Amino acid sequence: MHLKHNFVIFLIVSSNFQTVSSVTDLRRPIYMTVAAQAFDLRQILISMSKINWEVKEVMSQHNAYIDIILREIQIFSMRLEHVNSKVYVSDEVLMVLWENIAHIITHTLVQGFSEAKKCSNGGRALMQLDFTQFLSKFEKISSLRPVPHKEYVENYVKAYYLPENELEKWIKEHLEYSSRHLFGLISCVCQNNKKSKQRLLQIVDELKFTR
């Protein structure tokens, strides 16, 4: 569905729901749908898949996919302002919308990072650089401080730096990540040690039954 149509739906939903306190929980999934439709998540992941995370040197410039994300966020903000000019949108609704955006983008970033086939120390630093750029701009646009779910990305990227013995402990403590995300992490960290890789992948398989 076209983004413009989503905002028409959002306008109708807002005008009907904002005066009814009992449907606060009902609004959240609706706003999440509106927020998700504002971004071409598939294209973002495709852009991330083309990045070389095995760079030898620490880069000083973030990747272009971050600019694409920020541009779409800016467009979302402008359309949201337009909706607000037609019908009052409460601060509560605005906060929920921006929290949903933060959730969508942070989880998309982790998904993209997890699909890296190989990753050097320079690549890990580049992931951090990309996320730092996103955070600084998103805070200004959304006025959310701190940005919700930022630890979800930060903890995942930091795990790339862990030695293999500490990574096992980390995996068991961080069940918030999907098996697919953990597989990607292990494949990069243990790319030169097949034995450790197989052992950690087996642990992830066993953890599936405890989720």
Protein backbone atom coordinates (compact mmCIF):
# COMPACT_ATOMS: atom_id res chain seq x y z
CA MET A 1 0.00 0.00 0.00
CA HIS A 2 1.28 3.46 -0.86
CA LEU A 3 2.67 5.52 1.99
CA LYS A 4 0.22 8.35 1.30
CA HIS A 5 -2.68 5.95 1.76
CA ASN A 6 -1.24 4.78 5.05
CA PHE A 7 -1.24 8.29 6.36
CA VAL A 8 -4.87 8.73 5.34
CA ILE A 9 -5.62 5.63 7.39
CA PHE A 10 -3.50 7.00 10.21
CA LEU A 11 -5.42 10.28 10.14
CA ILE A 12 -8.75 8.44 10.41
CA VAL A 13 -7.45 6.17 13.15
CA SER A 14 -6.07 9.11 15.09
CA SER A 15 -9.28 11.10 14.95
CA ASN A 16 -11.28 8.12 16.21
CA PHE A 17 -8.87 6.68 18.77
CA GLN A 18 -7.20 9.56 20.52
CA THR A 19 -10.28 10.41 22.56
CA VAL A 20 -10.76 6.85 23.79
CA SER A 21 -8.31 5.99 26.56
CA SER A 22 -9.36 2.33 26.67
CA VAL A 23 -7.90 1.58 23.25
CA THR A 24 -4.33 2.71 23.91
CA ASP A 25 -3.01 -0.82 23.55
CA LEU A 26 -5.05 -1.34 20.39
CA ARG A 27 -3.43 1.67 18.72
CA ARG A 28 0.14 0.47 19.07
CA PRO A 29 0.07 -2.33 16.46
CA ILE A 30 -1.79 -0.02 14.08
CA TYR A 31 0.87 2.65 14.43
CA MET A 32 3.58 0.01 14.04
CA THR A 33 2.01 -0.95 10.71
CA VAL A 34 1.93 2.69 9.62
CA ALA A 35 5.56 3.15 10.62
CA ALA A 36 6.75 -0.05 8.94
CA GLN A 37 5.11 0.87 5.64
CA ALA A 38 7.08 4.13 5.58
CA PHE A 39 10.35 2.30 4.91
CA ASP A 40 11.61 0.06 2.15
CA LEU A 41 13.25 -2.39 4.54
CA ARG A 42 14.04 -4.88 1.80
CA GLN A 43 16.01 -2.28 -0.12
CA ILE A 44 17.89 -1.27 3.02
CA LEU A 45 18.94 -4.89 3.59
CA ILE A 46 19.96 -5.24 -0.05
CA SER A 47 22.14 -2.13 0.28
CA MET A 48 23.73 -3.50 3.45
CA SER A 49 24.41 -6.85 1.78
CA LYS A 50 26.62 -5.14 -0.80
CA ILE A 51 28.94 -3.62 1.79
CA ASN A 52 32.43 -5.00 2.31
CA TRP A 53 32.70 -5.51 6.07
CA GLU A 54 36.16 -7.02 5.69
CA VAL A 55 37.95 -3.68 5.29
CA LYS A 56 41.52 -3.56 6.56
CA GLU A 57 41.44 0.00 7.85
CA VAL A 58 39.00 1.87 10.06
CA MET A 59 36.84 4.02 7.83
CA SER A 60 36.11 7.68 8.56
CA GLN A 61 32.91 7.87 6.49
CA HIS A 62 29.68 6.04 7.23
CA ASN A 63 27.97 3.94 4.56
CA ALA A 64 25.40 5.35 2.14
CA TYR A 65 22.56 3.11 3.39
CA ILE A 66 22.49 5.20 6.57
CA ASP A 67 21.77 8.30 4.50
CA ILE A 68 18.96 6.41 2.76
CA ILE A 69 17.42 5.48 6.12
CA LEU A 70 17.73 9.03 7.44
CA ARG A 71 16.18 10.47 4.29
CA GLU A 72 13.17 8.16 4.67
CA ILE A 73 12.89 9.14 8.33
CA GLN A 74 12.91 12.80 7.34
CA ILE A 75 10.14 12.17 4.81
CA PHE A 76 8.16 10.34 7.49
CA SER A 77 8.61 13.31 9.82
CA MET A 78 7.37 15.73 7.16
CA ARG A 79 4.30 13.62 6.43
CA LEU A 80 3.63 13.33 10.13
CA GLU A 81 3.71 17.11 10.43
CA HIS A 82 1.22 17.28 7.57
CA VAL A 83 -1.13 14.89 9.37
CA ASN A 84 -0.76 16.94 12.54
CA SER A 85 -1.83 20.04 10.63
CA LYS A 86 -5.09 18.31 9.67
CA VAL A 87 -5.92 16.62 12.95
CA TYR A 88 -4.41 16.93 16.42
CA VAL A 89 -1.90 14.19 17.17
CA SER A 90 -1.14 13.88 20.87
CA ASP A 91 2.38 13.77 22.26
CA GLU A 92 1.65 10.22 23.41
CA VAL A 93 0.88 9.09 19.87
CA LEU A 94 3.94 10.89 18.50
CA MET A 95 6.12 9.16 21.06
CA VAL A 96 4.64 5.74 20.22
CA LEU A 97 5.20 6.34 16.52
CA TRP A 98 8.84 7.34 16.97
CA GLU A 99 9.43 4.43 19.34
CA ASN A 100 8.07 2.14 16.63
CA ILE A 101 10.40 3.69 14.07
CA ALA A 102 13.34 3.13 16.43
CA HIS A 103 12.30 -0.50 16.89
CA ILE A 104 11.96 -1.11 13.15
CA ILE A 105 15.27 0.48 12.17
CA THR A 106 17.39 -0.97 14.99
CA HIS A 107 16.12 -4.47 14.30
CA THR A 108 16.70 -4.00 10.57
CA LEU A 109 20.28 -2.93 11.26
CA VAL A 110 20.96 -6.03 13.34
CA GLN A 111 19.44 -8.15 10.59
CA GLY A 112 21.71 -6.50 8.03
CA PHE A 113 24.81 -6.86 10.19
CA SER A 114 24.03 -10.53 10.84
CA GLU A 115 24.05 -11.24 7.10
CA ALA A 116 27.70 -10.22 6.74
CA LYS A 117 29.66 -13.22 5.47
CA LYS A 118 32.99 -11.97 6.79
CA CYS A 119 33.89 -9.11 9.09
CA SER A 120 37.25 -7.63 10.09
CA ASN A 121 38.03 -5.33 13.02
CA GLY A 122 37.73 -2.46 10.57
CA GLY A 123 34.32 -3.74 9.53
CA ARG A 124 33.15 -3.91 13.12
CA ALA A 125 34.30 -0.34 13.64
CA LEU A 126 32.40 0.62 10.48
CA MET A 127 29.23 -0.91 11.91
CA GLN A 128 29.68 1.23 15.00
CA LEU A 129 30.33 4.31 12.88
CA ASP A 130 27.17 3.70 10.86
CA PHE A 131 25.04 3.26 13.97
CA THR A 132 26.54 6.33 15.67
CA GLN A 133 25.64 8.42 12.62
CA PHE A 134 22.10 7.06 12.68
CA LEU A 135 21.69 7.76 16.39
CA SER A 136 22.91 11.35 16.25
CA LYS A 137 20.55 12.28 13.41
CA PHE A 138 17.58 10.26 14.65
CA GLU A 139 17.74 11.91 18.07
CA LYS A 140 17.43 15.33 16.45
CA ILE A 141 14.53 14.36 14.21
CA SER A 142 12.52 12.36 16.74
CA SER A 143 13.53 14.19 19.96
CA LEU A 144 13.81 10.77 21.62
CA ARG A 145 16.64 10.61 24.15
CA PRO A 146 17.83 8.02 24.70
CA VAL A 147 16.82 6.27 21.50
CA PRO A 148 14.80 3.14 22.37
CA HIS A 149 16.39 -0.19 21.45
CA LYS A 150 19.82 1.32 20.85
CA GLU A 151 21.32 -1.28 23.20
CA TYR A 152 19.91 -3.95 20.92
CA VAL A 153 22.31 -2.82 18.20
CA GLU A 154 25.20 -1.80 20.45
CA ASN A 155 25.31 -5.12 22.30
CA TYR A 156 25.21 -7.06 19.06
CA VAL A 157 28.08 -5.13 17.48
CA LYS A 158 30.15 -5.33 20.67
CA ALA A 159 29.76 -9.11 20.60
CA TYR A 160 31.89 -9.21 17.43
CA TYR A 161 34.87 -8.18 19.59
CA LEU A 162 34.45 -10.97 22.14
CA PRO A 163 36.91 -13.87 22.28
CA GLU A 164 35.31 -17.22 21.56
CA ASN A 165 35.15 -18.36 25.20
CA GLU A 166 33.29 -15.19 26.22
CA LEU A 167 31.02 -15.35 23.19
CA GLU A 168 29.51 -18.61 24.46
CA LYS A 169 28.49 -16.90 27.71
CA TRP A 170 27.15 -13.90 25.79
CA ILE A 171 25.02 -16.11 23.54
CA LYS A 172 23.41 -17.82 26.53
CA GLU A 173 22.65 -14.47 28.18
CA HIS A 174 21.19 -12.72 25.13
CA LEU A 175 18.12 -14.66 24.12
CA GLU A 176 16.57 -11.53 22.60
CA TYR A 177 18.40 -12.26 19.35
CA SER A 178 17.07 -14.78 16.86
CA SER A 179 18.98 -17.93 15.97
CA ARG A 180 19.61 -16.44 12.56
CA HIS A 181 21.25 -13.39 14.11
CA LEU A 182 23.40 -15.58 16.34
CA PHE A 183 24.41 -17.81 13.43
CA GLY A 184 25.63 -14.75 11.53
CA LEU A 185 27.56 -13.49 14.53
CA ILE A 186 29.23 -16.84 15.16
CA SER A 187 30.13 -17.29 11.50
CA CYS A 188 32.03 -14.00 11.51
CA VAL A 189 33.72 -14.31 14.89
CA CYS A 190 34.77 -17.92 14.25
CA GLN A 191 35.43 -17.63 10.53
CA ASN A 192 38.95 -19.05 11.01
CA ASN A 193 38.04 -21.75 13.53
CA LYS A 194 35.58 -24.33 12.22
CA LYS A 195 35.65 -26.37 15.42
CA SER A 196 34.61 -23.45 17.63
CA LYS A 197 32.06 -22.40 15.04
CA GLN A 198 30.36 -25.80 15.06
CA ARG A 199 30.39 -25.95 18.86
CA LEU A 200 28.75 -22.54 19.23
CA LEU A 201 26.22 -23.23 16.49
CA GLN A 202 25.25 -26.39 18.36
CA ILE A 203 24.68 -24.32 21.50
CA VAL A 204 22.39 -21.98 19.57
CA ASP A 205 20.42 -24.97 18.27
CA GLU A 206 19.98 -26.24 21.83
CA LEU A 207 18.86 -22.81 23.04
CA LYS A 208 15.98 -22.83 20.55
CA PHE A 209 14.06 -25.08 22.91
CA THR A 210 14.45 -22.67 25.85
CA ARG A 211 13.09 -19.59 24.10
